[in-house]
Amino acid sequence: AQAVAAKLGVEAQFVEAEWDSLFAGMDAGRIDVVVNEVEYSEQRAQKY
């Protein structure tokens, strides 16, 4: 995540939370992306 941020030309800012809260934070716009061994699922693909 830090390397991706650097290549975008910005700083990496981390928000730590339990698994379910990470996606709730992204849905609410408080988190830009989740980098935490996220895998594809049909359910997630409806939103992301």
ModelCIF file with pLDDT and N, C-alpha, C, O atoms, coordinates in Angstrom:
data_MODEL
#
_entry.id   MODEL 
#
_entity.id                         1 
_entity.type                       polymer 
_entity.pdbx_number_of_molecules   1 
#
_entity_poly.entity_id                      1 
_entity_poly.type                           'polypeptide(L)' 
_entity_poly.nstd_linkage                   no 
_entity_poly.nstd_monomer                   no 
_entity_poly.pdbx_seq_one_letter_code       AQAVAAKLGVEAQFVEAEWDSLFAGMDAGRIDVVVNEVEYSEQRAQKY 
_entity_poly.pdbx_seq_one_letter_code_can   AQAVAAKLGVEAQFVEAEWDSLFAGMDAGRIDVVVNEVEYSEQRAQKY 
_entity_poly.pdbx_strand_id                 A 
#
loop_
_entity_poly_seq.entity_id 
_entity_poly_seq.num 
_entity_poly_seq.mon_id 
_entity_poly_seq.hetero 
1 1  ALA n 
1 2  GLN n 
1 3  ALA n 
1 4  VAL n 
1 5  ALA n 
1 6  ALA n 
1 7  LYS n 
1 8  LEU n 
1 9  GLY n 
1 10 VAL n 
1 11 GLU n 
1 12 ALA n 
1 13 GLN n 
1 14 PHE n 
1 15 VAL n 
1 16 GLU n 
1 17 ALA n 
1 18 GLU n 
1 19 TRP n 
1 20 ASP n 
1 21 SER n 
1 22 LEU n 
1 23 PHE n 
1 24 ALA n 
1 25 GLY n 
1 26 MET n 
1 27 ASP n 
1 28 ALA n 
1 29 GLY n 
1 30 ARG n 
1 31 ILE n 
1 32 ASP n 
1 33 VAL n 
1 34 VAL n 
1 35 VAL n 
1 36 ASN n 
1 37 GLU n 
1 38 VAL n 
1 39 GLU n 
1 40 TYR n 
1 41 SER n 
1 42 GLU n 
1 43 GLN n 
1 44 ARG n 
1 45 ALA n 
1 46 GLN n 
1 47 LYS n 
1 48 TYR n 
#
_struct_asym.id          A 
_struct_asym.entity_id   1 
#
loop_
_ma_qa_metric.id 
_ma_qa_metric.mode 
_ma_qa_metric.name 
_ma_qa_metric.software_group_id 
_ma_qa_metric.type 
1 global pLDDT . pLDDT 
2 local  pLDDT . pLDDT 
#
_ma_qa_metric_global.metric_id      1 
_ma_qa_metric_global.metric_value   96.04 
_ma_qa_metric_global.model_id       1 
_ma_qa_metric_global.ordinal_id     1 
#
loop_
_ma_qa_metric_local.label_asym_id 
_ma_qa_metric_local.label_comp_id 
_ma_qa_metric_local.label_seq_id 
_ma_qa_metric_local.metric_id 
_ma_qa_metric_local.metric_value 
_ma_qa_metric_local.model_id 
_ma_qa_metric_local.ordinal_id 
A ALA 1  2 98.00 1 1  
A GLN 2  2 98.00 1 2  
A ALA 3  2 98.00 1 3  
A VAL 4  2 98.00 1 4  
A ALA 5  2 98.00 1 5  
A ALA 6  2 98.00 1 6  
A LYS 7  2 98.00 1 7  
A LEU 8  2 98.00 1 8  
A GLY 9  2 98.00 1 9  
A VAL 10 2 98.00 1 10 
A GLU 11 2 98.00 1 11 
A ALA 12 2 98.00 1 12 
A GLN 13 2 98.00 1 13 
A PHE 14 2 98.00 1 14 
A VAL 15 2 98.00 1 15 
A GLU 16 2 98.00 1 16 
A ALA 17 2 96.00 1 17 
A GLU 18 2 93.00 1 18 
A TRP 19 2 90.00 1 19 
A ASP 20 2 87.00 1 20 
A SER 21 2 95.00 1 21 
A LEU 22 2 96.00 1 22 
A PHE 23 2 96.00 1 23 
A ALA 24 2 96.00 1 24 
A GLY 25 2 97.00 1 25 
A MET 26 2 97.00 1 26 
A ASP 27 2 96.00 1 27 
A ALA 28 2 96.00 1 28 
A GLY 29 2 96.00 1 29 
A ARG 30 2 97.00 1 30 
A ILE 31 2 98.00 1 31 
A ASP 32 2 98.00 1 32 
A VAL 33 2 98.00 1 33 
A VAL 34 2 98.00 1 34 
A VAL 35 2 98.00 1 35 
A ASN 36 2 96.00 1 36 
A GLU 37 2 93.00 1 37 
A VAL 38 2 95.00 1 38 
A GLU 39 2 92.00 1 39 
A TYR 40 2 94.00 1 40 
A SER 41 2 91.00 1 41 
A GLU 42 2 92.00 1 42 
A GLN 43 2 91.00 1 43 
A ARG 44 2 94.00 1 44 
A ALA 45 2 96.00 1 45 
A GLN 46 2 96.00 1 46 
A LYS 47 2 96.00 1 47 
A TYR 48 2 98.00 1 48 
#
loop_
_atom_site.group_PDB 
_atom_site.id 
_atom_site.type_symbol 
_atom_site.label_atom_id 
_atom_site.label_alt_id 
_atom_site.label_comp_id 
_atom_site.label_asym_id 
_atom_site.label_entity_id 
_atom_site.label_seq_id 
_atom_site.pdbx_PDB_ins_code 
_atom_site.Cartn_x 
_atom_site.Cartn_y 
_atom_site.Cartn_z 
_atom_site.occupancy 
_atom_site.B_iso_or_equiv 
_atom_site.pdbx_formal_charge 
_atom_site.auth_seq_id 
_atom_site.auth_comp_id 
_atom_site.auth_asym_id 
_atom_site.auth_atom_id 
_atom_site.pdbx_PDB_model_num 
ATOM 1   N N  . ALA A 1 1  ? 0.827   -1.208  0.000  1.00 98.00 ? 1  ALA A N  1 
ATOM 2   C CA . ALA A 1 1  ? 0.000   0.000   0.000  1.00 98.00 ? 1  ALA A CA 1 
ATOM 3   C C  . ALA A 1 1  ? 0.865   1.264   0.000  1.00 98.00 ? 1  ALA A C  1 
ATOM 4   O O  . ALA A 1 1  ? 0.563   2.227   -0.705 1.00 98.00 ? 1  ALA A O  1 
ATOM 5   N N  . GLN A 1 2  ? 1.920   1.255   0.778  1.00 98.00 ? 2  GLN A N  1 
ATOM 6   C CA . GLN A 1 2  ? 2.823   2.411   0.818  1.00 98.00 ? 2  GLN A CA 1 
ATOM 7   C C  . GLN A 1 2  ? 3.471   2.648   -0.543 1.00 98.00 ? 2  GLN A C  1 
ATOM 8   O O  . GLN A 1 2  ? 3.623   3.791   -0.975 1.00 98.00 ? 2  GLN A O  1 
ATOM 9   N N  . ALA A 1 3  ? 3.851   1.562   -1.215 1.00 98.00 ? 3  ALA A N  1 
ATOM 10  C CA . ALA A 1 3  ? 4.472   1.696   -2.533 1.00 98.00 ? 3  ALA A CA 1 
ATOM 11  C C  . ALA A 1 3  ? 3.480   2.216   -3.569 1.00 98.00 ? 3  ALA A C  1 
ATOM 12  O O  . ALA A 1 3  ? 3.835   3.041   -4.410 1.00 98.00 ? 3  ALA A O  1 
ATOM 13  N N  . VAL A 1 4  ? 2.242   1.737   -3.510 1.00 98.00 ? 4  VAL A N  1 
ATOM 14  C CA . VAL A 1 4  ? 1.209   2.227   -4.432 1.00 98.00 ? 4  VAL A CA 1 
ATOM 15  C C  . VAL A 1 4  ? 0.987   3.717   -4.212 1.00 98.00 ? 4  VAL A C  1 
ATOM 16  O O  . VAL A 1 4  ? 0.914   4.483   -5.172 1.00 98.00 ? 4  VAL A O  1 
ATOM 17  N N  . ALA A 1 5  ? 0.880   4.128   -2.962 1.00 98.00 ? 5  ALA A N  1 
ATOM 18  C CA . ALA A 1 5  ? 0.683   5.542   -2.659 1.00 98.00 ? 5  ALA A CA 1 
ATOM 19  C C  . ALA A 1 5  ? 1.841   6.376   -3.198 1.00 98.00 ? 5  ALA A C  1 
ATOM 20  O O  . ALA A 1 5  ? 1.627   7.440   -3.778 1.00 98.00 ? 5  ALA A O  1 
ATOM 21  N N  . ALA A 1 6  ? 3.059   5.895   -3.007 1.00 98.00 ? 6  ALA A N  1 
ATOM 22  C CA . ALA A 1 6  ? 4.234   6.628   -3.473 1.00 98.00 ? 6  ALA A CA 1 
ATOM 23  C C  . ALA A 1 6  ? 4.208   6.787   -4.993 1.00 98.00 ? 6  ALA A C  1 
ATOM 24  O O  . ALA A 1 6  ? 4.580   7.840   -5.512 1.00 98.00 ? 6  ALA A O  1 
ATOM 25  N N  . LYS A 1 7  ? 3.775   5.759   -5.700 1.00 98.00 ? 7  LYS A N  1 
ATOM 26  C CA . LYS A 1 7  ? 3.733   5.822   -7.160 1.00 98.00 ? 7  LYS A CA 1 
ATOM 27  C C  . LYS A 1 7  ? 2.596   6.730   -7.640 1.00 98.00 ? 7  LYS A C  1 
ATOM 28  O O  . LYS A 1 7  ? 2.634   7.237   -8.761 1.00 98.00 ? 7  LYS A O  1 
ATOM 29  N N  . LEU A 1 8  ? 1.595   6.932   -6.795 1.00 98.00 ? 8  LEU A N  1 
ATOM 30  C CA . LEU A 1 8  ? 0.552   7.920   -7.109 1.00 98.00 ? 8  LEU A CA 1 
ATOM 31  C C  . LEU A 1 8  ? 1.022   9.332   -6.796 1.00 98.00 ? 8  LEU A C  1 
ATOM 32  O O  . LEU A 1 8  ? 0.398   10.307  -7.214 1.00 98.00 ? 8  LEU A O  1 
ATOM 33  N N  . GLY A 1 9  ? 2.135   9.440   -6.052 1.00 98.00 ? 9  GLY A N  1 
ATOM 34  C CA . GLY A 1 9  ? 2.670   10.741  -5.687 1.00 98.00 ? 9  GLY A CA 1 
ATOM 35  C C  . GLY A 1 9  ? 2.056   11.324  -4.434 1.00 98.00 ? 9  GLY A C  1 
ATOM 36  O O  . GLY A 1 9  ? 2.063   12.541  -4.246 1.00 98.00 ? 9  GLY A O  1 
ATOM 37  N N  . VAL A 1 10 ? 1.509   10.448  -3.552 1.00 98.00 ? 10 VAL A N  1 
ATOM 38  C CA . VAL A 1 10 ? 0.874   10.917  -2.314 1.00 98.00 ? 10 VAL A CA 1 
ATOM 39  C C  . VAL A 1 10 ? 1.405   10.105  -1.134 1.00 98.00 ? 10 VAL A C  1 
ATOM 40  O O  . VAL A 1 10 ? 2.129   9.127   -1.317 1.00 98.00 ? 10 VAL A O  1 
ATOM 41  N N  . GLU A 1 11 ? 1.038   10.521  0.069  1.00 98.00 ? 11 GLU A N  1 
ATOM 42  C CA . GLU A 1 11 ? 1.419   9.817   1.282  1.00 98.00 ? 11 GLU A CA 1 
ATOM 43  C C  . GLU A 1 11 ? 0.387   8.727   1.607  1.00 98.00 ? 11 GLU A C  1 
ATOM 44  O O  . GLU A 1 11 ? -0.798  8.866   1.304  1.00 98.00 ? 11 GLU A O  1 
ATOM 45  N N  . ALA A 1 12 ? 0.856   7.659   2.221  1.00 98.00 ? 12 ALA A N  1 
ATOM 46  C CA . ALA A 1 12 ? -0.052  6.599   2.684  1.00 98.00 ? 12 ALA A CA 1 
ATOM 47  C C  . ALA A 1 12 ? -0.531  6.928   4.092  1.00 98.00 ? 12 ALA A C  1 
ATOM 48  O O  . ALA A 1 12 ? 0.277   7.175   4.987  1.00 98.00 ? 12 ALA A O  1 
ATOM 49  N N  . GLN A 1 13 ? -1.835  6.931   4.282  1.00 98.00 ? 13 GLN A N  1 
ATOM 50  C CA . GLN A 1 13 ? -2.437  7.159   5.600  1.00 98.00 ? 13 GLN A CA 1 
ATOM 51  C C  . GLN A 1 13 ? -3.286  5.934   5.933  1.00 98.00 ? 13 GLN A C  1 
ATOM 52  O O  . GLN A 1 13 ? -4.214  5.602   5.195  1.00 98.00 ? 13 GLN A O  1 
ATOM 53  N N  . PHE A 1 14 ? -2.973  5.266   7.037  1.00 98.00 ? 14 PHE A N  1 
ATOM 54  C CA . PHE A 1 14 ? -3.654  4.017   7.375  1.00 98.00 ? 14 PHE A CA 1 
ATOM 55  C C  . PHE A 1 14 ? -4.748  4.231   8.412  1.00 98.00 ? 14 PHE A C  1 
ATOM 56  O O  . PHE A 1 14 ? -4.602  5.008   9.355  1.00 98.00 ? 14 PHE A O  1 
ATOM 57  N N  . VAL A 1 15 ? -5.849  3.514   8.204  1.00 98.00 ? 15 VAL A N  1 
ATOM 58  C CA . VAL A 1 15 ? -6.939  3.448   9.174  1.00 98.00 ? 15 VAL A CA 1 
ATOM 59  C C  . VAL A 1 15 ? -7.081  1.975   9.557  1.00 98.00 ? 15 VAL A C  1 
ATOM 60  O O  . VAL A 1 15 ? -7.356  1.133   8.702  1.00 98.00 ? 15 VAL A O  1 
ATOM 61  N N  . GLU A 1 16 ? -6.893  1.668   10.832 1.00 98.00 ? 16 GLU A N  1 
ATOM 62  C CA . GLU A 1 16 ? -6.965  0.288   11.292 1.00 98.00 ? 16 GLU A CA 1 
ATOM 63  C C  . GLU A 1 16 ? -8.348  -0.001  11.880 1.00 98.00 ? 16 GLU A C  1 
ATOM 64  O O  . GLU A 1 16 ? -8.895  0.793   12.645 1.00 98.00 ? 16 GLU A O  1 
ATOM 65  N N  . ALA A 1 17 ? -8.890  -1.144  11.508 1.00 96.00 ? 17 ALA A N  1 
ATOM 66  C CA . ALA A 1 17 ? -10.217 -1.530  11.997 1.00 96.00 ? 17 ALA A CA 1 
ATOM 67  C C  . ALA A 1 17 ? -10.400 -3.020  11.783 1.00 96.00 ? 17 ALA A C  1 
ATOM 68  O O  . ALA A 1 17 ? -9.623  -3.652  11.066 1.00 96.00 ? 17 ALA A O  1 
ATOM 69  N N  . GLU A 1 18 ? -11.434 -3.584  12.408 1.00 93.00 ? 18 GLU A N  1 
ATOM 70  C CA . GLU A 1 18 ? -11.772 -4.984  12.172 1.00 93.00 ? 18 GLU A CA 1 
ATOM 71  C C  . GLU A 1 18 ? -12.270 -5.143  10.743 1.00 93.00 ? 18 GLU A C  1 
ATOM 72  O O  . GLU A 1 18 ? -12.685 -4.179  10.100 1.00 93.00 ? 18 GLU A O  1 
ATOM 73  N N  . TRP A 1 19 ? -12.219 -6.371  10.265 1.00 90.00 ? 19 TRP A N  1 
ATOM 74  C CA . TRP A 1 19 ? -12.468 -6.663  8.862  1.00 90.00 ? 19 TRP A CA 1 
ATOM 75  C C  . TRP A 1 19 ? -13.760 -6.036  8.331  1.00 90.00 ? 19 TRP A C  1 
ATOM 76  O O  . TRP A 1 19 ? -13.731 -5.312  7.336  1.00 90.00 ? 19 TRP A O  1 
ATOM 77  N N  . ASP A 1 20 ? -14.872 -6.303  8.974  1.00 87.00 ? 20 ASP A N  1 
ATOM 78  C CA . ASP A 1 20 ? -16.154 -5.790  8.481  1.00 87.00 ? 20 ASP A CA 1 
ATOM 79  C C  . ASP A 1 20 ? -16.186 -4.275  8.465  1.00 87.00 ? 20 ASP A C  1 
ATOM 80  O O  . ASP A 1 20 ? -16.777 -3.675  7.567  1.00 87.00 ? 20 ASP A O  1 
ATOM 81  N N  . SER A 1 21 ? -15.558 -3.652  9.448  1.00 95.00 ? 21 SER A N  1 
ATOM 82  C CA . SER A 1 21 ? -15.564 -2.195  9.546  1.00 95.00 ? 21 SER A CA 1 
ATOM 83  C C  . SER A 1 21 ? -14.764 -1.545  8.425  1.00 95.00 ? 21 SER A C  1 
ATOM 84  O O  . SER A 1 21 ? -15.026 -0.399  8.060  1.00 95.00 ? 21 SER A O  1 
ATOM 85  N N  . LEU A 1 22 ? -13.789 -2.270  7.875  1.00 96.00 ? 22 LEU A N  1 
ATOM 86  C CA . LEU A 1 22 ? -12.988 -1.714  6.782  1.00 96.00 ? 22 LEU A CA 1 
ATOM 87  C C  . LEU A 1 22 ? -13.869 -1.395  5.575  1.00 96.00 ? 22 LEU A C  1 
ATOM 88  O O  . LEU A 1 22 ? -13.760 -0.315  4.994  1.00 96.00 ? 22 LEU A O  1 
ATOM 89  N N  . PHE A 1 23 ? -14.732 -2.323  5.202  1.00 96.00 ? 23 PHE A N  1 
ATOM 90  C CA . PHE A 1 23 ? -15.584 -2.114  4.038  1.00 96.00 ? 23 PHE A CA 1 
ATOM 91  C C  . PHE A 1 23 ? -16.689 -1.106  4.337  1.00 96.00 ? 23 PHE A C  1 
ATOM 92  O O  . PHE A 1 23 ? -17.096 -0.349  3.456  1.00 96.00 ? 23 PHE A O  1 
ATOM 93  N N  . ALA A 1 24 ? -17.172 -1.096  5.575  1.00 96.00 ? 24 ALA A N  1 
ATOM 94  C CA . ALA A 1 24 ? -18.161 -0.076  5.959  1.00 96.00 ? 24 ALA A CA 1 
ATOM 95  C C  . ALA A 1 24 ? -17.539 1.309   5.850  1.00 96.00 ? 24 ALA A C  1 
ATOM 96  O O  . ALA A 1 24 ? -18.198 2.260   5.431  1.00 96.00 ? 24 ALA A O  1 
ATOM 97  N N  . GLY A 1 25 ? -16.261 1.422   6.229  1.00 97.00 ? 25 GLY A N  1 
ATOM 98  C CA . GLY A 1 25 ? -15.565 2.701   6.118  1.00 97.00 ? 25 GLY A CA 1 
ATOM 99  C C  . GLY A 1 25 ? -15.381 3.120   4.678  1.00 97.00 ? 25 GLY A C  1 
ATOM 100 O O  . GLY A 1 25 ? -15.472 4.305   4.359  1.00 97.00 ? 25 GLY A O  1 
ATOM 101 N N  . MET A 1 26 ? -15.121 2.153   3.797  1.00 97.00 ? 26 MET A N  1 
ATOM 102 C CA . MET A 1 26 ? -14.980 2.480   2.380  1.00 97.00 ? 26 MET A CA 1 
ATOM 103 C C  . MET A 1 26 ? -16.330 2.893   1.795  1.00 97.00 ? 26 MET A C  1 
ATOM 104 O O  . MET A 1 26 ? -16.406 3.826   0.997  1.00 97.00 ? 26 MET A O  1 
ATOM 105 N N  . ASP A 1 27 ? -17.391 2.194   2.196  1.00 96.00 ? 27 ASP A N  1 
ATOM 106 C CA . ASP A 1 27 ? -18.730 2.545   1.710  1.00 96.00 ? 27 ASP A CA 1 
ATOM 107 C C  . ASP A 1 27 ? -19.120 3.963   2.123  1.00 96.00 ? 27 ASP A C  1 
ATOM 108 O O  . ASP A 1 27 ? -19.795 4.677   1.380  1.00 96.00 ? 27 ASP A O  1 
ATOM 109 N N  . ALA A 1 28 ? -18.682 4.360   3.326  1.00 96.00 ? 28 ALA A N  1 
ATOM 110 C CA . ALA A 1 28 ? -19.036 5.685   3.848  1.00 96.00 ? 28 ALA A CA 1 
ATOM 111 C C  . ALA A 1 28 ? -18.099 6.781   3.349  1.00 96.00 ? 28 ALA A C  1 
ATOM 112 O O  . ALA A 1 28 ? -18.308 7.958   3.644  1.00 96.00 ? 28 ALA A O  1 
ATOM 113 N N  . GLY A 1 29 ? -17.062 6.399   2.591  1.00 96.00 ? 29 GLY A N  1 
ATOM 114 C CA . GLY A 1 29 ? -16.146 7.399   2.062  1.00 96.00 ? 29 GLY A CA 1 
ATOM 115 C C  . GLY A 1 29 ? -15.052 7.810   3.021  1.00 96.00 ? 29 GLY A C  1 
ATOM 116 O O  . GLY A 1 29 ? -14.321 8.762   2.747  1.00 96.00 ? 29 GLY A O  1 
ATOM 117 N N  . ARG A 1 30 ? -14.919 7.110   4.152  1.00 97.00 ? 30 ARG A N  1 
ATOM 118 C CA . ARG A 1 30 ? -13.861 7.448   5.114  1.00 97.00 ? 30 ARG A CA 1 
ATOM 119 C C  . ARG A 1 30 ? -12.542 6.770   4.749  1.00 97.00 ? 30 ARG A C  1 
ATOM 120 O O  . ARG A 1 30 ? -11.481 7.173   5.226  1.00 97.00 ? 30 ARG A O  1 
ATOM 121 N N  . ILE A 1 31 ? -12.608 5.750   3.912  1.00 98.00 ? 31 ILE A N  1 
ATOM 122 C CA . ILE A 1 31 ? -11.443 4.999   3.471  1.00 98.00 ? 31 ILE A CA 1 
ATOM 123 C C  . ILE A 1 31 ? -11.469 4.948   1.944  1.00 98.00 ? 31 ILE A C  1 
ATOM 124 O O  . ILE A 1 31 ? -12.521 4.724   1.345  1.00 98.00 ? 31 ILE A O  1 
ATOM 125 N N  . ASP A 1 32 ? -10.316 5.155   1.320  1.00 98.00 ? 32 ASP A N  1 
ATOM 126 C CA . ASP A 1 32 ? -10.257 5.124   -0.141 1.00 98.00 ? 32 ASP A CA 1 
ATOM 127 C C  . ASP A 1 32 ? -10.194 3.697   -0.667 1.00 98.00 ? 32 ASP A C  1 
ATOM 128 O O  . ASP A 1 32 ? -10.937 3.335   -1.579 1.00 98.00 ? 32 ASP A O  1 
ATOM 129 N N  . VAL A 1 33 ? -9.310  2.886   -0.094 1.00 98.00 ? 33 VAL A N  1 
ATOM 130 C CA . VAL A 1 33 ? -9.125  1.497   -0.528 1.00 98.00 ? 33 VAL A CA 1 
ATOM 131 C C  . VAL A 1 33 ? -8.833  0.636   0.692  1.00 98.00 ? 33 VAL A C  1 
ATOM 132 O O  . VAL A 1 33 ? -8.420  1.143   1.735  1.00 98.00 ? 33 VAL A O  1 
ATOM 133 N N  . VAL A 1 34 ? -9.049  -0.657  0.558  1.00 98.00 ? 34 VAL A N  1 
ATOM 134 C CA . VAL A 1 34 ? -8.676  -1.624  1.595  1.00 98.00 ? 34 VAL A CA 1 
ATOM 135 C C  . VAL A 1 34 ? -7.556  -2.488  1.030  1.00 98.00 ? 34 VAL A C  1 
ATOM 136 O O  . VAL A 1 34 ? -7.706  -3.091  -0.033 1.00 98.00 ? 34 VAL A O  1 
ATOM 137 N N  . VAL A 1 35 ? -6.439  -2.547  1.739  1.00 98.00 ? 35 VAL A N  1 
ATOM 138 C CA . VAL A 1 35 ? -5.313  -3.395  1.335  1.00 98.00 ? 35 VAL A CA 1 
ATOM 139 C C  . VAL A 1 35 ? -5.048  -4.338  2.497  1.00 98.00 ? 35 VAL A C  1 
ATOM 140 O O  . VAL A 1 35 ? -4.357  -3.987  3.453  1.00 98.00 ? 35 VAL A O  1 
ATOM 141 N N  . ASN A 1 36 ? -5.609  -5.544  2.402  1.00 96.00 ? 36 ASN A N  1 
ATOM 142 C CA . ASN A 1 36 ? -5.574  -6.465  3.538  1.00 96.00 ? 36 ASN A CA 1 
ATOM 143 C C  . ASN A 1 36 ? -5.934  -7.873  3.065  1.00 96.00 ? 36 ASN A C  1 
ATOM 144 O O  . ASN A 1 36 ? -6.868  -8.486  3.583  1.00 96.00 ? 36 ASN A O  1 
ATOM 145 N N  . GLU A 1 37 ? -5.195  -8.380  2.086  1.00 93.00 ? 37 GLU A N  1 
ATOM 146 C CA . GLU A 1 37 ? -5.464  -9.695  1.500  1.00 93.00 ? 37 GLU A CA 1 
ATOM 147 C C  . GLU A 1 37 ? -6.938  -9.828  1.110  1.00 93.00 ? 37 GLU A C  1 
ATOM 148 O O  . GLU A 1 37 ? -7.587  -10.815 1.458  1.00 93.00 ? 37 GLU A O  1 
ATOM 149 N N  . VAL A 1 38 ? -7.452  -8.853  0.401  1.00 95.00 ? 38 VAL A N  1 
ATOM 150 C CA . VAL A 1 38 ? -8.839  -8.881  -0.055 1.00 95.00 ? 38 VAL A CA 1 
ATOM 151 C C  . VAL A 1 38 ? -8.943  -9.753  -1.300 1.00 95.00 ? 38 VAL A C  1 
ATOM 152 O O  . VAL A 1 38 ? -8.149  -9.618  -2.232 1.00 95.00 ? 38 VAL A O  1 
ATOM 153 N N  . GLU A 1 39 ? -9.914  -10.636 -1.310 1.00 92.00 ? 39 GLU A N  1 
ATOM 154 C CA . GLU A 1 39 ? -10.143 -11.505 -2.463 1.00 92.00 ? 39 GLU A CA 1 
ATOM 155 C C  . GLU A 1 39 ? -11.433 -11.110 -3.174 1.00 92.00 ? 39 GLU A C  1 
ATOM 156 O O  . GLU A 1 39 ? -12.289 -10.420 -2.618 1.00 92.00 ? 39 GLU A O  1 
ATOM 157 N N  . TYR A 1 40 ? -11.545 -11.564 -4.406 1.00 94.00 ? 40 TYR A N  1 
ATOM 158 C CA . TYR A 1 40 ? -12.740 -11.290 -5.199 1.00 94.00 ? 40 TYR A CA 1 
ATOM 159 C C  . TYR A 1 40 ? -13.901 -12.161 -4.722 1.00 94.00 ? 40 TYR A C  1 
ATOM 160 O O  . TYR A 1 40 ? -13.712 -13.324 -4.367 1.00 94.00 ? 40 TYR A O  1 
ATOM 161 N N  . SER A 1 41 ? -15.088 -11.594 -4.718 1.00 91.00 ? 41 SER A N  1 
ATOM 162 C CA . SER A 1 41 ? -16.316 -12.365 -4.530 1.00 91.00 ? 41 SER A CA 1 
ATOM 163 C C  . SER A 1 41 ? -17.426 -11.681 -5.312 1.00 91.00 ? 41 SER A C  1 
ATOM 164 O O  . SER A 1 41 ? -17.387 -10.472 -5.540 1.00 91.00 ? 41 SER A O  1 
ATOM 165 N N  . GLU A 1 42 ? -18.409 -12.464 -5.716 1.00 92.00 ? 42 GLU A N  1 
ATOM 166 C CA . GLU A 1 42 ? -19.533 -11.908 -6.469 1.00 92.00 ? 42 GLU A CA 1 
ATOM 167 C C  . GLU A 1 42 ? -20.256 -10.838 -5.648 1.00 92.00 ? 42 GLU A C  1 
ATOM 168 O O  . GLU A 1 42 ? -20.697 -9.822  -6.186 1.00 92.00 ? 42 GLU A O  1 
ATOM 169 N N  . GLN A 1 43 ? -20.370 -11.077 -4.352 1.00 91.00 ? 43 GLN A N  1 
ATOM 170 C CA . GLN A 1 43 ? -21.050 -10.119 -3.486 1.00 91.00 ? 43 GLN A CA 1 
ATOM 171 C C  . GLN A 1 43 ? -20.298 -8.790  -3.445 1.00 91.00 ? 43 GLN A C  1 
ATOM 172 O O  . GLN A 1 43 ? -20.908 -7.727  -3.555 1.00 91.00 ? 43 GLN A O  1 
ATOM 173 N N  . ARG A 1 44 ? -18.982 -8.849  -3.289 1.00 94.00 ? 44 ARG A N  1 
ATOM 174 C CA . ARG A 1 44 ? -18.201 -7.609  -3.261 1.00 94.00 ? 44 ARG A CA 1 
ATOM 175 C C  . ARG A 1 44 ? -18.219 -6.901  -4.614 1.00 94.00 ? 44 ARG A C  1 
ATOM 176 O O  . ARG A 1 44 ? -18.181 -5.672  -4.680 1.00 94.00 ? 44 ARG A O  1 
ATOM 177 N N  . ALA A 1 45 ? -18.275 -7.681  -5.687 1.00 96.00 ? 45 ALA A N  1 
ATOM 178 C CA . ALA A 1 45 ? -18.254 -7.105  -7.029 1.00 96.00 ? 45 ALA A CA 1 
ATOM 179 C C  . ALA A 1 45 ? -19.489 -6.257  -7.316 1.00 96.00 ? 45 ALA A C  1 
ATOM 180 O O  . ALA A 1 45 ? -19.495 -5.477  -8.269 1.00 96.00 ? 45 ALA A O  1 
ATOM 181 N N  . GLN A 1 46 ? -20.524 -6.400  -6.510 1.00 96.00 ? 46 GLN A N  1 
ATOM 182 C CA . GLN A 1 46 ? -21.702 -5.547  -6.680 1.00 96.00 ? 46 GLN A CA 1 
ATOM 183 C C  . GLN A 1 46 ? -21.415 -4.101  -6.278 1.00 96.00 ? 46 GLN A C  1 
ATOM 184 O O  . GLN A 1 46 ? -22.063 -3.173  -6.761 1.00 96.00 ? 46 GLN A O  1 
ATOM 185 N N  . LYS A 1 47 ? -20.437 -3.921  -5.390 1.00 96.00 ? 47 LYS A N  1 
ATOM 186 C CA . LYS A 1 47 ? -20.114 -2.579  -4.901 1.00 96.00 ? 47 LYS A CA 1 
ATOM 187 C C  . LYS A 1 47 ? -18.773 -2.059  -5.404 1.00 96.00 ? 47 LYS A C  1 
ATOM 188 O O  . LYS A 1 47 ? -18.582 -0.850  -5.537 1.00 96.00 ? 47 LYS A O  1 
ATOM 189 N N  . TYR A 1 48 ? -17.835 -2.982  -5.685 1.00 98.00 ? 48 TYR A N  1 
ATOM 190 C CA . TYR A 1 48 ? -16.467 -2.555  -5.947 1.00 98.00 ? 48 TYR A CA 1 
ATOM 191 C C  . TYR A 1 48 ? -15.945 -3.122  -7.264 1.00 98.00 ? 48 TYR A C  1 
ATOM 192 O O  . TYR A 1 48 ? -14.802 -2.860  -7.639 1.00 98.00 ? 48 TYR A O  1 
#
